[in-house]
Amino acid sequence: MRAYWKANQLKLAPWLFLLPGILMFLMYVIIPIFQSLNVSFYAWDGLGEKEFVGMSNYVELMDDEAFYTSLKNNLIWLVLYMLAIPAGLFVALFLNQTVRGIRIYKSLFFFPFVISQVVVGLVFAWFYDPNYGLLNILINALGFDSIAVLADERFVTYGIIVAGLWPQTAYCMILYLTGLNAVDPEQIEAARLDNAKGWRMLWYVILPQLKPATFIAIVVTVIGALRSFDLISIMTDGGPWGSSRVLAFYMYEQAFSEYGFRMGYGAAIAVVLFAIMMVYITGFLYKMYRDERGR
């Protein structure tokens, strides 16, 4: 055994370091995924006997109006949340300068990322307040009537998304600042000699070197949009009349709230959410792989 270890030490050592992380990933991510898939085929309250119902939970989803509302809101989240990526990039480009006081600006832009989502939700709930919120003070100063953003079905989802974009933009900014530190200065100088500047410099020289940061930003943003829960719970609790629900929040309602602890139905919603997430991320991974192969 000792001879085998000495002969293969360089190959085995990385796996020994990775083993604790792999075990944790299996225990807390992979195994629960299959457990959720299994539970989705049962009618179960979480404590009593499981009753196998096959695809009944999924069939019920097809006729559930609240499920379609949640799915529609998730798609809106997914589309609009992607604005955090270009916003984070442009903030990072602005902060990637060596001018006096830039550290103060970096701290201000970094601040939303370090505070709790609960705090973000409360701050924006006060911001949107129809009586004394800053938004409506500004609207009234312009001569318009107050808007109860979180009590209006037309605006509530967009209002919560704006609250979510604040810390998400800060996260993307951090990723791009890290990526900008790895940009090759020789390529920048060569591009300047070729008279490249502005958008041409950004598109043809800087962005190609930021592909790893962009990949991470897209994956994290997609996951954040699809698993959105905290802000909805804090700001509206799914209201008004369930119009701001998303799949993660509806899953929670069905599995753990006054709906009767329907673990199987909640698991079915979770499986649908996981499938949407995997389709989106797998498609993006395939595109990245094809682009790399095409070089």
C-alpha atoms as a PDB file:
ATOM      1  CA  MET A   1       0.000   0.000   0.000  1.00  0.00           C
ATOM      2  CA  ARG A   2       2.845   2.371   0.890  1.00  0.00           C
ATOM      3  CA  ALA A   3       4.577   1.626  -2.399  1.00  0.00           C
ATOM      4  CA  TYR A   4       1.332   2.360  -4.308  1.00  0.00           C
ATOM      5  CA  TRP A   5       0.941   5.674  -2.464  1.00  0.00           C
ATOM      6  CA  LYS A   6       4.497   6.748  -3.258  1.00  0.00           C
ATOM      7  CA  ALA A   7       4.055   5.850  -6.918  1.00  0.00           C
ATOM      8  CA  ASN A   8       0.733   7.700  -7.272  1.00  0.00           C
ATOM      9  CA  GLN A   9       1.058  10.433  -4.662  1.00  0.00           C
ATOM     10  CA  LEU A  10       0.695  13.312  -7.113  1.00  0.00           C
ATOM     11  CA  LYS A  11      -2.503  11.803  -8.552  1.00  0.00           C
ATOM     12  CA  LEU A  12      -4.110  10.815  -5.242  1.00  0.00           C
ATOM     13  CA  ALA A  13      -3.279  13.896  -3.132  1.00  0.00           C
ATOM     14  CA  PRO A  14      -5.728  16.267  -4.913  1.00  0.00           C
ATOM     15  CA  TRP A  15      -8.582  13.765  -4.479  1.00  0.00           C
ATOM     16  CA  LEU A  16      -7.844  13.447  -0.760  1.00  0.00           C
ATOM     17  CA  PHE A  17      -8.129  17.215  -0.401  1.00  0.00           C
ATOM     18  CA  LEU A  18     -11.330  17.238  -2.457  1.00  0.00           C
ATOM     19  CA  LEU A  19     -12.912  14.278  -0.647  1.00  0.00           C
ATOM     20  CA  PRO A  20     -14.499  16.247   2.270  1.00  0.00           C
ATOM     21  CA  GLY A  21     -16.040  18.733  -0.149  1.00  0.00           C
ATOM     22  CA  ILE A  22     -17.295  15.958  -2.446  1.00  0.00           C
ATOM     23  CA  LEU A  23     -18.886  14.134   0.490  1.00  0.00           C
ATOM     24  CA  MET A  24     -20.603  17.327   1.690  1.00  0.00           C
ATOM     25  CA  PHE A  25     -21.813  18.060  -1.850  1.00  0.00           C
ATOM     26  CA  LEU A  26     -23.238  14.544  -2.167  1.00  0.00           C
ATOM     27  CA  MET A  27     -24.882  14.688   1.238  1.00  0.00           C
ATOM     28  CA  TYR A  28     -26.443  18.150   1.024  1.00  0.00           C
ATOM     29  CA  VAL A  29     -27.024  18.618  -2.729  1.00  0.00           C
ATOM     30  CA  ILE A  30     -27.076  15.455  -4.851  1.00  0.00           C
ATOM     31  CA  ILE A  31     -28.859  13.088  -2.444  1.00  0.00           C
ATOM     32  CA  PRO A  32     -31.595  15.650  -1.510  1.00  0.00           C
ATOM     33  CA  ILE A  33     -32.299  16.178  -5.223  1.00  0.00           C
ATOM     34  CA  PHE A  34     -33.147  12.503  -5.650  1.00  0.00           C
ATOM     35  CA  GLN A  35     -35.046  12.459  -2.352  1.00  0.00           C
ATOM     36  CA  SER A  36     -37.200  15.378  -3.542  1.00  0.00           C
ATOM     37  CA  LEU A  37     -37.844  13.580  -6.820  1.00  0.00           C
ATOM     38  CA  ASN A  38     -38.929  10.498  -4.872  1.00  0.00           C
ATOM     39  CA  VAL A  39     -41.196  12.454  -2.490  1.00  0.00           C
ATOM     40  CA  SER A  40     -42.924  14.137  -5.460  1.00  0.00           C
ATOM     41  CA  PHE A  41     -44.574  10.799  -6.306  1.00  0.00           C
ATOM     42  CA  TYR A  42     -46.269  10.584  -2.895  1.00  0.00           C
ATOM     43  CA  ALA A  43     -49.010  12.287  -0.920  1.00  0.00           C
ATOM     44  CA  TRP A  44     -47.337  12.991   2.424  1.00  0.00           C
ATOM     45  CA  ASP A  45     -47.769  15.468   5.268  1.00  0.00           C
ATOM     46  CA  GLY A  46     -44.197  15.087   6.492  1.00  0.00           C
ATOM     47  CA  LEU A  47     -45.049  12.936   9.513  1.00  0.00           C
ATOM     48  CA  GLY A  48     -47.577  10.233   8.660  1.00  0.00           C
ATOM     49  CA  GLU A  49     -47.550   7.394   6.186  1.00  0.00           C
ATOM     50  CA  LYS A  50     -46.621   8.092   2.583  1.00  0.00           C
ATOM     51  CA  GLU A  51     -49.248   7.286  -0.027  1.00  0.00           C
ATOM     52  CA  PHE A  52     -47.927   6.597  -3.519  1.00  0.00           C
ATOM     53  CA  VAL A  53     -49.867   8.679  -6.055  1.00  0.00           C
ATOM     54  CA  GLY A  54     -47.562   8.408  -9.075  1.00  0.00           C
ATOM     55  CA  MET A  55     -47.770  11.421 -11.397  1.00  0.00           C
ATOM     56  CA  SER A  56     -50.878  12.868  -9.692  1.00  0.00           C
ATOM     57  CA  ASN A  57     -48.982  15.803  -8.172  1.00  0.00           C
ATOM     58  CA  TYR A  58     -47.625  16.762 -11.605  1.00  0.00           C
ATOM     59  CA  VAL A  59     -51.051  16.363 -13.227  1.00  0.00           C
ATOM     60  CA  GLU A  60     -52.520  18.662 -10.560  1.00  0.00           C
ATOM     61  CA  LEU A  61     -49.849  21.252 -11.339  1.00  0.00           C
ATOM     62  CA  MET A  62     -51.082  21.436 -14.921  1.00  0.00           C
ATOM     63  CA  ASP A  63     -54.463  22.746 -13.705  1.00  0.00           C
ATOM     64  CA  ASP A  64     -53.144  24.955 -10.903  1.00  0.00           C
ATOM     65  CA  GLU A  65     -53.595  28.641 -11.705  1.00  0.00           C
ATOM     66  CA  ALA A  66     -51.296  29.667  -8.820  1.00  0.00           C
ATOM     67  CA  PHE A  67     -48.550  27.488 -10.306  1.00  0.00           C
ATOM     68  CA  TYR A  68     -48.782  29.271 -13.659  1.00  0.00           C
ATOM     69  CA  THR A  69     -48.722  32.668 -11.930  1.00  0.00           C
ATOM     70  CA  SER A  70     -45.583  31.606 -10.056  1.00  0.00           C
ATOM     71  CA  LEU A  71     -43.999  30.260 -13.248  1.00  0.00           C
ATOM     72  CA  LYS A  72     -44.754  33.487 -15.132  1.00  0.00           C
ATOM     73  CA  ASN A  73     -43.229  35.562 -12.331  1.00  0.00           C
ATOM     74  CA  ASN A  74     -40.135  33.349 -12.305  1.00  0.00           C
ATOM     75  CA  LEU A  75     -39.651  33.957 -16.029  1.00  0.00           C
ATOM     76  CA  ILE A  76     -39.976  37.724 -15.455  1.00  0.00           C
ATOM     77  CA  TRP A  77     -37.394  37.445 -12.671  1.00  0.00           C
ATOM     78  CA  LEU A  78     -35.097  35.454 -14.962  1.00  0.00           C
ATOM     79  CA  VAL A  79     -35.227  37.992 -17.800  1.00  0.00           C
ATOM     80  CA  LEU A  80     -34.947  41.184 -15.745  1.00  0.00           C
ATOM     81  CA  TYR A  81     -32.403  39.807 -13.271  1.00  0.00           C
ATOM     82  CA  MET A  82     -29.928  39.460 -16.138  1.00  0.00           C
ATOM     83  CA  LEU A  83     -29.677  43.279 -16.097  1.00  0.00           C
ATOM     84  CA  ALA A  84     -27.434  42.838 -13.060  1.00  0.00           C
ATOM     85  CA  ILE A  85     -24.655  41.469 -15.304  1.00  0.00           C
ATOM     86  CA  PRO A  86     -24.128  44.487 -17.626  1.00  0.00           C
ATOM     87  CA  ALA A  87     -24.818  46.825 -14.692  1.00  0.00           C
ATOM     88  CA  GLY A  88     -22.168  45.079 -12.611  1.00  0.00           C
ATOM     89  CA  LEU A  89     -19.735  45.226 -15.531  1.00  0.00           C
ATOM     90  CA  PHE A  90     -20.105  48.970 -16.051  1.00  0.00           C
ATOM     91  CA  VAL A  91     -19.829  49.675 -12.323  1.00  0.00           C
ATOM     92  CA  ALA A  92     -16.666  47.537 -12.238  1.00  0.00           C
ATOM     93  CA  LEU A  93     -15.206  49.431 -15.204  1.00  0.00           C
ATOM     94  CA  PHE A  94     -15.945  52.700 -13.412  1.00  0.00           C
ATOM     95  CA  LEU A  95     -14.328  51.495 -10.173  1.00  0.00           C
ATOM     96  CA  ASN A  96     -11.303  49.943 -11.892  1.00  0.00           C
ATOM     97  CA  GLN A  97      -9.424  53.218 -11.811  1.00  0.00           C
ATOM     98  CA  THR A  98      -6.546  54.566  -9.790  1.00  0.00           C
ATOM     99  CA  VAL A  99      -7.952  57.925  -8.788  1.00  0.00           C
ATOM    100  CA  ARG A 100      -8.188  59.610  -5.427  1.00  0.00           C
ATOM    101  CA  GLY A 101     -11.040  58.349  -3.239  1.00  0.00           C
ATOM    102  CA  ILE A 102     -11.860  55.301  -5.392  1.00  0.00           C
ATOM    103  CA  ARG A 103     -11.760  53.032  -2.314  1.00  0.00           C
ATOM    104  CA  ILE A 104     -14.652  54.965  -0.796  1.00  0.00           C
ATOM    105  CA  TYR A 105     -16.719  54.446  -3.947  1.00  0.00           C
ATOM    106  CA  LYS A 106     -15.826  50.742  -3.965  1.00  0.00           C
ATOM    107  CA  SER A 107     -17.019  50.429  -0.373  1.00  0.00           C
ATOM    108  CA  LEU A 108     -20.314  52.136  -1.185  1.00  0.00           C
ATOM    109  CA  PHE A 109     -20.982  49.879  -4.177  1.00  0.00           C
ATOM    110  CA  PHE A 110     -19.869  46.781  -2.234  1.00  0.00           C
ATOM    111  CA  PHE A 111     -22.197  47.564   0.704  1.00  0.00           C
ATOM    112  CA  PRO A 112     -25.427  46.033  -0.761  1.00  0.00           C
ATOM    113  CA  PHE A 113     -23.700  42.652  -1.169  1.00  0.00           C
ATOM    114  CA  VAL A 114     -22.746  42.284   2.498  1.00  0.00           C
ATOM    115  CA  ILE A 115     -26.111  43.189   4.043  1.00  0.00           C
ATOM    116  CA  SER A 116     -28.844  40.608   4.569  1.00  0.00           C
ATOM    117  CA  GLN A 117     -31.611  40.127   2.011  1.00  0.00           C
ATOM    118  CA  VAL A 118     -34.045  40.690   4.894  1.00  0.00           C
ATOM    119  CA  VAL A 119     -32.581  44.161   5.423  1.00  0.00           C
ATOM    120  CA  VAL A 120     -32.763  44.854   1.673  1.00  0.00           C
ATOM    121  CA  GLY A 121     -36.426  43.822   1.676  1.00  0.00           C
ATOM    122  CA  LEU A 122     -37.278  46.055   4.634  1.00  0.00           C
ATOM    123  CA  VAL A 123     -35.423  49.040   3.162  1.00  0.00           C
ATOM    124  CA  PHE A 124     -37.245  48.767  -0.152  1.00  0.00           C
ATOM    125  CA  ALA A 125     -40.586  48.152   1.578  1.00  0.00           C
ATOM    126  CA  TRP A 126     -40.093  51.516   3.320  1.00  0.00           C
ATOM    127  CA  PHE A 127     -38.905  53.058   0.052  1.00  0.00           C
ATOM    128  CA  TYR A 128     -42.131  51.983  -1.691  1.00  0.00           C
ATOM    129  CA  ASP A 129     -44.453  52.950   1.196  1.00  0.00           C
ATOM    130  CA  PRO A 130     -47.395  54.925  -0.313  1.00  0.00           C
ATOM    131  CA  ASN A 131     -47.589  57.328   2.656  1.00  0.00           C
ATOM    132  CA  TYR A 132     -44.045  58.302   3.607  1.00  0.00           C
ATOM    133  CA  GLY A 133     -41.780  56.315   1.256  1.00  0.00           C
ATOM    134  CA  LEU A 134     -39.082  58.197  -0.631  1.00  0.00           C
ATOM    135  CA  LEU A 135     -40.361  56.982  -4.016  1.00  0.00           C
ATOM    136  CA  ASN A 136     -43.801  58.489  -3.523  1.00  0.00           C
ATOM    137  CA  ILE A 137     -42.376  61.683  -2.031  1.00  0.00           C
ATOM    138  CA  LEU A 138     -40.480  62.136  -5.303  1.00  0.00           C
ATOM    139  CA  ILE A 139     -43.561  61.219  -7.376  1.00  0.00           C
ATOM    140  CA  ASN A 140     -45.728  63.689  -5.435  1.00  0.00           C
ATOM    141  CA  ALA A 141     -43.095  66.394  -5.866  1.00  0.00           C
ATOM    142  CA  LEU A 142     -43.457  65.930  -9.631  1.00  0.00           C
ATOM    143  CA  GLY A 143     -47.222  66.386  -9.338  1.00  0.00           C
ATOM    144  CA  PHE A 144     -48.331  62.752  -9.702  1.00  0.00           C
ATOM    145  CA  ASP A 145     -50.447  60.647  -7.362  1.00  0.00           C
ATOM    146  CA  SER A 146     -48.838  58.108  -5.026  1.00  0.00           C
ATOM    147  CA  ILE A 147     -48.365  54.533  -6.252  1.00  0.00           C
ATOM    148  CA  ALA A 148     -48.741  51.621  -3.840  1.00  0.00           C
ATOM    149  CA  VAL A 149     -46.138  49.500  -5.633  1.00  0.00           C
ATOM    150  CA  LEU A 150     -46.335  46.469  -3.322  1.00  0.00           C
ATOM    151  CA  ALA A 151     -50.147  46.517  -3.226  1.00  0.00           C
ATOM    152  CA  ASP A 152     -50.688  46.737  -6.987  1.00  0.00           C
ATOM    153  CA  GLU A 153     -50.701  43.510  -9.017  1.00  0.00           C
ATOM    154  CA  ARG A 154     -49.308  45.368 -12.036  1.00  0.00           C
ATOM    155  CA  PHE A 155     -46.165  46.637 -10.306  1.00  0.00           C
ATOM    156  CA  VAL A 156     -45.443  44.370  -7.348  1.00  0.00           C
ATOM    157  CA  THR A 157     -43.230  41.818  -9.107  1.00  0.00           C
ATOM    158  CA  TYR A 158     -41.179  44.521 -10.825  1.00  0.00           C
ATOM    159  CA  GLY A 159     -40.791  46.403  -7.544  1.00  0.00           C
ATOM    160  CA  ILE A 160     -39.370  43.324  -5.810  1.00  0.00           C
ATOM    161  CA  ILE A 161     -37.046  42.606  -8.755  1.00  0.00           C
ATOM    162  CA  VAL A 162     -35.610  46.131  -8.493  1.00  0.00           C
ATOM    163  CA  ALA A 163     -34.895  45.434  -4.817  1.00  0.00           C
ATOM    164  CA  GLY A 164     -33.157  42.184  -5.775  1.00  0.00           C
ATOM    165  CA  LEU A 165     -31.089  43.828  -8.504  1.00  0.00           C
ATOM    166  CA  TRP A 166     -29.418  46.127  -5.983  1.00  0.00           C
ATOM    167  CA  PRO A 167     -27.329  43.435  -4.173  1.00  0.00           C
ATOM    168  CA  GLN A 168     -27.054  41.236  -7.291  1.00  0.00           C
ATOM    169  CA  THR A 169     -25.429  44.057  -9.251  1.00  0.00           C
ATOM    170  CA  ALA A 170     -22.926  44.453  -6.409  1.00  0.00           C
ATOM    171  CA  TYR A 171     -22.104  40.733  -6.605  1.00  0.00           C
ATOM    172  CA  CYS A 172     -21.537  40.873 -10.372  1.00  0.00           C
ATOM    173  CA  MET A 173     -19.416  43.976  -9.846  1.00  0.00           C
ATOM    174  CA  ILE A 174     -17.126  42.029  -7.496  1.00  0.00           C
ATOM    175  CA  LEU A 175     -16.755  39.226 -10.046  1.00  0.00           C
ATOM    176  CA  TYR A 176     -15.852  41.655 -12.816  1.00  0.00           C
ATOM    177  CA  LEU A 177     -13.437  43.626 -10.621  1.00  0.00           C
ATOM    178  CA  THR A 178     -11.630  40.357  -9.950  1.00  0.00           C
ATOM    179  CA  GLY A 179     -11.630  39.570 -13.675  1.00  0.00           C
ATOM    180  CA  LEU A 180     -10.332  43.025 -14.594  1.00  0.00           C
ATOM    181  CA  ASN A 181      -7.330  42.487 -12.340  1.00  0.00           C
ATOM    182  CA  ALA A 182      -6.379  39.529 -14.554  1.00  0.00           C
ATOM    183  CA  VAL A 183      -6.728  41.389 -17.872  1.00  0.00           C
ATOM    184  CA  ASP A 184      -3.453  41.298 -19.806  1.00  0.00           C
ATOM    185  CA  PRO A 185      -2.044  44.875 -19.917  1.00  0.00           C
ATOM    186  CA  GLU A 186       0.068  43.996 -22.958  1.00  0.00           C
ATOM    187  CA  GLN A 187      -3.068  43.321 -24.983  1.00  0.00           C
ATOM    188  CA  ILE A 188      -4.484  46.654 -23.864  1.00  0.00           C
ATOM    189  CA  GLU A 189      -1.338  48.461 -24.961  1.00  0.00           C
ATOM    190  CA  ALA A 190      -1.282  46.615 -28.303  1.00  0.00           C
ATOM    191  CA  ALA A 191      -4.909  47.577 -28.902  1.00  0.00           C
ATOM    192  CA  ARG A 192      -4.151  51.215 -28.124  1.00  0.00           C
ATOM    193  CA  LEU A 193      -1.336  51.159 -30.648  1.00  0.00           C
ATOM    194  CA  ASP A 194      -3.901  49.954 -33.205  1.00  0.00           C
ATOM    195  CA  ASN A 195      -6.055  52.969 -32.248  1.00  0.00           C
ATOM    196  CA  ALA A 196      -8.696  50.853 -30.466  1.00  0.00           C
ATOM    197  CA  LYS A 197     -10.591  52.704 -27.746  1.00  0.00           C
ATOM    198  CA  GLY A 198     -14.014  53.036 -26.167  1.00  0.00           C
ATOM    199  CA  TRP A 199     -16.528  50.399 -27.207  1.00  0.00           C
ATOM    200  CA  ARG A 200     -14.108  48.699 -29.607  1.00  0.00           C
ATOM    201  CA  MET A 201     -11.572  48.237 -26.823  1.00  0.00           C
ATOM    202  CA  LEU A 202     -14.272  46.879 -24.517  1.00  0.00           C
ATOM    203  CA  TRP A 203     -15.862  44.524 -27.062  1.00  0.00           C
ATOM    204  CA  TYR A 204     -12.790  43.096 -28.786  1.00  0.00           C
ATOM    205  CA  VAL A 205     -10.103  43.200 -26.073  1.00  0.00           C
ATOM    206  CA  ILE A 206     -11.539  43.381 -22.549  1.00  0.00           C
ATOM    207  CA  LEU A 207     -14.749  41.317 -22.758  1.00  0.00           C
ATOM    208  CA  PRO A 208     -13.075  38.223 -24.303  1.00  0.00           C
ATOM    209  CA  GLN A 209     -10.701  38.163 -21.319  1.00  0.00           C
ATOM    210  CA  LEU A 210     -13.673  38.459 -18.930  1.00  0.00           C
ATOM    211  CA  LYS A 211     -15.403  35.294 -20.174  1.00  0.00           C
ATOM    212  CA  PRO A 212     -14.710  33.309 -16.955  1.00  0.00           C
ATOM    213  CA  ALA A 213     -16.176  36.115 -14.832  1.00  0.00           C
ATOM    214  CA  THR A 214     -19.151  36.429 -17.192  1.00  0.00           C
ATOM    215  CA  PHE A 215     -19.794  32.688 -16.996  1.00  0.00           C
ATOM    216  CA  ILE A 216     -19.866  32.721 -13.185  1.00  0.00           C
ATOM    217  CA  ALA A 217     -21.993  35.889 -13.156  1.00  0.00           C
ATOM    218  CA  ILE A 218     -24.597  34.366 -15.490  1.00  0.00           C
ATOM    219  CA  VAL A 219     -24.819  31.063 -13.597  1.00  0.00           C
ATOM    220  CA  VAL A 220     -25.102  32.763 -10.203  1.00  0.00           C
ATOM    221  CA  THR A 221     -27.633  35.302 -11.488  1.00  0.00           C
ATOM    222  CA  VAL A 222     -29.818  32.617 -13.078  1.00  0.00           C
ATOM    223  CA  ILE A 223     -29.782  30.558  -9.886  1.00  0.00           C
ATOM    224  CA  GLY A 224     -30.520  33.673  -7.818  1.00  0.00           C
ATOM    225  CA  ALA A 225     -33.470  34.610 -10.037  1.00  0.00           C
ATOM    226  CA  LEU A 226     -34.995  31.125  -9.993  1.00  0.00           C
ATOM    227  CA  ARG A 227     -34.612  30.535  -6.260  1.00  0.00           C
ATOM    228  CA  SER A 228     -35.833  34.005  -5.227  1.00  0.00           C
ATOM    229  CA  PHE A 229     -37.676  33.684  -1.930  1.00  0.00           C
ATOM    230  CA  ASP A 230     -36.457  35.984   0.867  1.00  0.00           C
ATOM    231  CA  LEU A 231     -37.463  39.318  -0.669  1.00  0.00           C
ATOM    232  CA  ILE A 232     -40.936  38.057  -1.582  1.00  0.00           C
ATOM    233  CA  SER A 233     -41.461  36.652   1.899  1.00  0.00           C
ATOM    234  CA  ILE A 234     -40.341  39.892   3.573  1.00  0.00           C
ATOM    235  CA  MET A 235     -41.906  42.457   1.244  1.00  0.00           C
ATOM    236  CA  THR A 236     -45.277  40.953   0.234  1.00  0.00           C
ATOM    237  CA  ASP A 237     -45.608  37.386   1.576  1.00  0.00           C
ATOM    238  CA  GLY A 238     -46.732  36.430  -1.920  1.00  0.00           C
ATOM    239  CA  GLY A 239     -49.441  39.113  -2.143  1.00  0.00           C
ATOM    240  CA  PRO A 240     -51.431  40.938  -3.163  1.00  0.00           C
ATOM    241  CA  TRP A 241     -53.696  37.919  -3.742  1.00  0.00           C
ATOM    242  CA  GLY A 242     -50.775  35.698  -4.645  1.00  0.00           C
ATOM    243  CA  SER A 243     -49.715  37.868  -7.594  1.00  0.00           C
ATOM    244  CA  SER A 244     -46.047  38.105  -6.533  1.00  0.00           C
ATOM    245  CA  ARG A 245     -45.515  34.393  -5.882  1.00  0.00           C
ATOM    246  CA  VAL A 246     -42.615  32.570  -7.512  1.00  0.00           C
ATOM    247  CA  LEU A 247     -42.043  28.823  -7.633  1.00  0.00           C
ATOM    248  CA  ALA A 248     -39.737  28.712  -4.596  1.00  0.00           C
ATOM    249  CA  PHE A 249     -42.229  30.660  -2.477  1.00  0.00           C
ATOM    250  CA  TYR A 250     -45.201  28.627  -3.734  1.00  0.00           C
ATOM    251  CA  MET A 251     -43.293  25.435  -2.932  1.00  0.00           C
ATOM    252  CA  TYR A 252     -42.797  26.701   0.630  1.00  0.00           C
ATOM    253  CA  GLU A 253     -46.473  27.615   0.938  1.00  0.00           C
ATOM    254  CA  GLN A 254     -47.608  24.183  -0.179  1.00  0.00           C
ATOM    255  CA  ALA A 255     -45.109  22.209   1.902  1.00  0.00           C
ATOM    256  CA  PHE A 256     -44.930  24.153   5.171  1.00  0.00           C
ATOM    257  CA  SER A 257     -47.850  26.546   5.575  1.00  0.00           C
ATOM    258  CA  GLU A 258     -51.610  26.653   5.985  1.00  0.00           C
ATOM    259  CA  TYR A 259     -52.165  24.647   2.794  1.00  0.00           C
ATOM    260  CA  GLY A 260     -51.884  21.438   4.810  1.00  0.00           C
ATOM    261  CA  PHE A 261     -48.229  20.377   4.715  1.00  0.00           C
ATOM    262  CA  ARG A 262     -48.398  18.894   1.228  1.00  0.00           C
ATOM    263  CA  MET A 263     -44.812  17.694   1.017  1.00  0.00           C
ATOM    264  CA  GLY A 264     -45.359  15.690  -2.167  1.00  0.00           C
ATOM    265  CA  TYR A 265     -46.947  18.603  -4.016  1.00  0.00           C
ATOM    266  CA  GLY A 266     -44.240  20.970  -2.785  1.00  0.00           C
ATOM    267  CA  ALA A 267     -41.574  18.498  -3.946  1.00  0.00           C
ATOM    268  CA  ALA A 268     -43.199  18.372  -7.403  1.00  0.00           C
ATOM    269  CA  ILE A 269     -42.928  22.164  -7.646  1.00  0.00           C
ATOM    270  CA  ALA A 270     -39.271  21.911  -6.559  1.00  0.00           C
ATOM    271  CA  VAL A 271     -38.574  19.327  -9.271  1.00  0.00           C
ATOM    272  CA  VAL A 272     -40.100  21.584 -11.941  1.00  0.00           C
ATOM    273  CA  LEU A 273     -38.002  24.503 -10.679  1.00  0.00           C
ATOM    274  CA  PHE A 274     -34.858  22.359 -10.715  1.00  0.00           C
ATOM    275  CA  ALA A 275     -35.617  21.195 -14.272  1.00  0.00           C
ATOM    276  CA  ILE A 276     -36.009  24.782 -15.500  1.00  0.00           C
ATOM    277  CA  MET A 277     -32.741  25.732 -13.823  1.00  0.00           C
ATOM    278  CA  MET A 278     -30.877  22.766 -15.327  1.00  0.00           C
ATOM    279  CA  VAL A 279     -32.214  23.370 -18.845  1.00  0.00           C
ATOM    280  CA  TYR A 280     -31.118  27.008 -18.754  1.00  0.00           C
ATOM    281  CA  ILE A 281     -27.672  26.378 -17.262  1.00  0.00           C
ATOM    282  CA  THR A 282     -27.004  23.280 -19.408  1.00  0.00           C
ATOM    283  CA  GLY A 283     -27.827  25.262 -22.539  1.00  0.00           C
ATOM    284  CA  PHE A 284     -25.432  28.000 -21.522  1.00  0.00           C
ATOM    285  CA  LEU A 285     -22.689  25.479 -20.652  1.00  0.00           C
ATOM    286  CA  TYR A 286     -23.115  23.840 -24.057  1.00  0.00           C
ATOM    287  CA  LYS A 287     -22.804  27.217 -25.790  1.00  0.00           C
ATOM    288  CA  MET A 288     -19.642  28.006 -23.814  1.00  0.00           C
ATOM    289  CA  TYR A 289     -18.197  24.581 -24.668  1.00  0.00           C
ATOM    290  CA  ARG A 290     -19.007  25.015 -28.366  1.00  0.00           C
ATOM    291  CA  ASP A 291     -17.396  28.477 -28.390  1.00  0.00           C
ATOM    292  CA  GLU A 292     -14.233  27.078 -26.791  1.00  0.00           C
ATOM    293  CA  ARG A 293     -14.111  24.206 -29.284  1.00  0.00           C
ATOM    294  CA  GLY A 294     -14.525  26.651 -32.155  1.00  0.00           C
ATOM    295  CA  ARG A 295     -11.337  28.526 -31.301  1.00  0.00           C
END
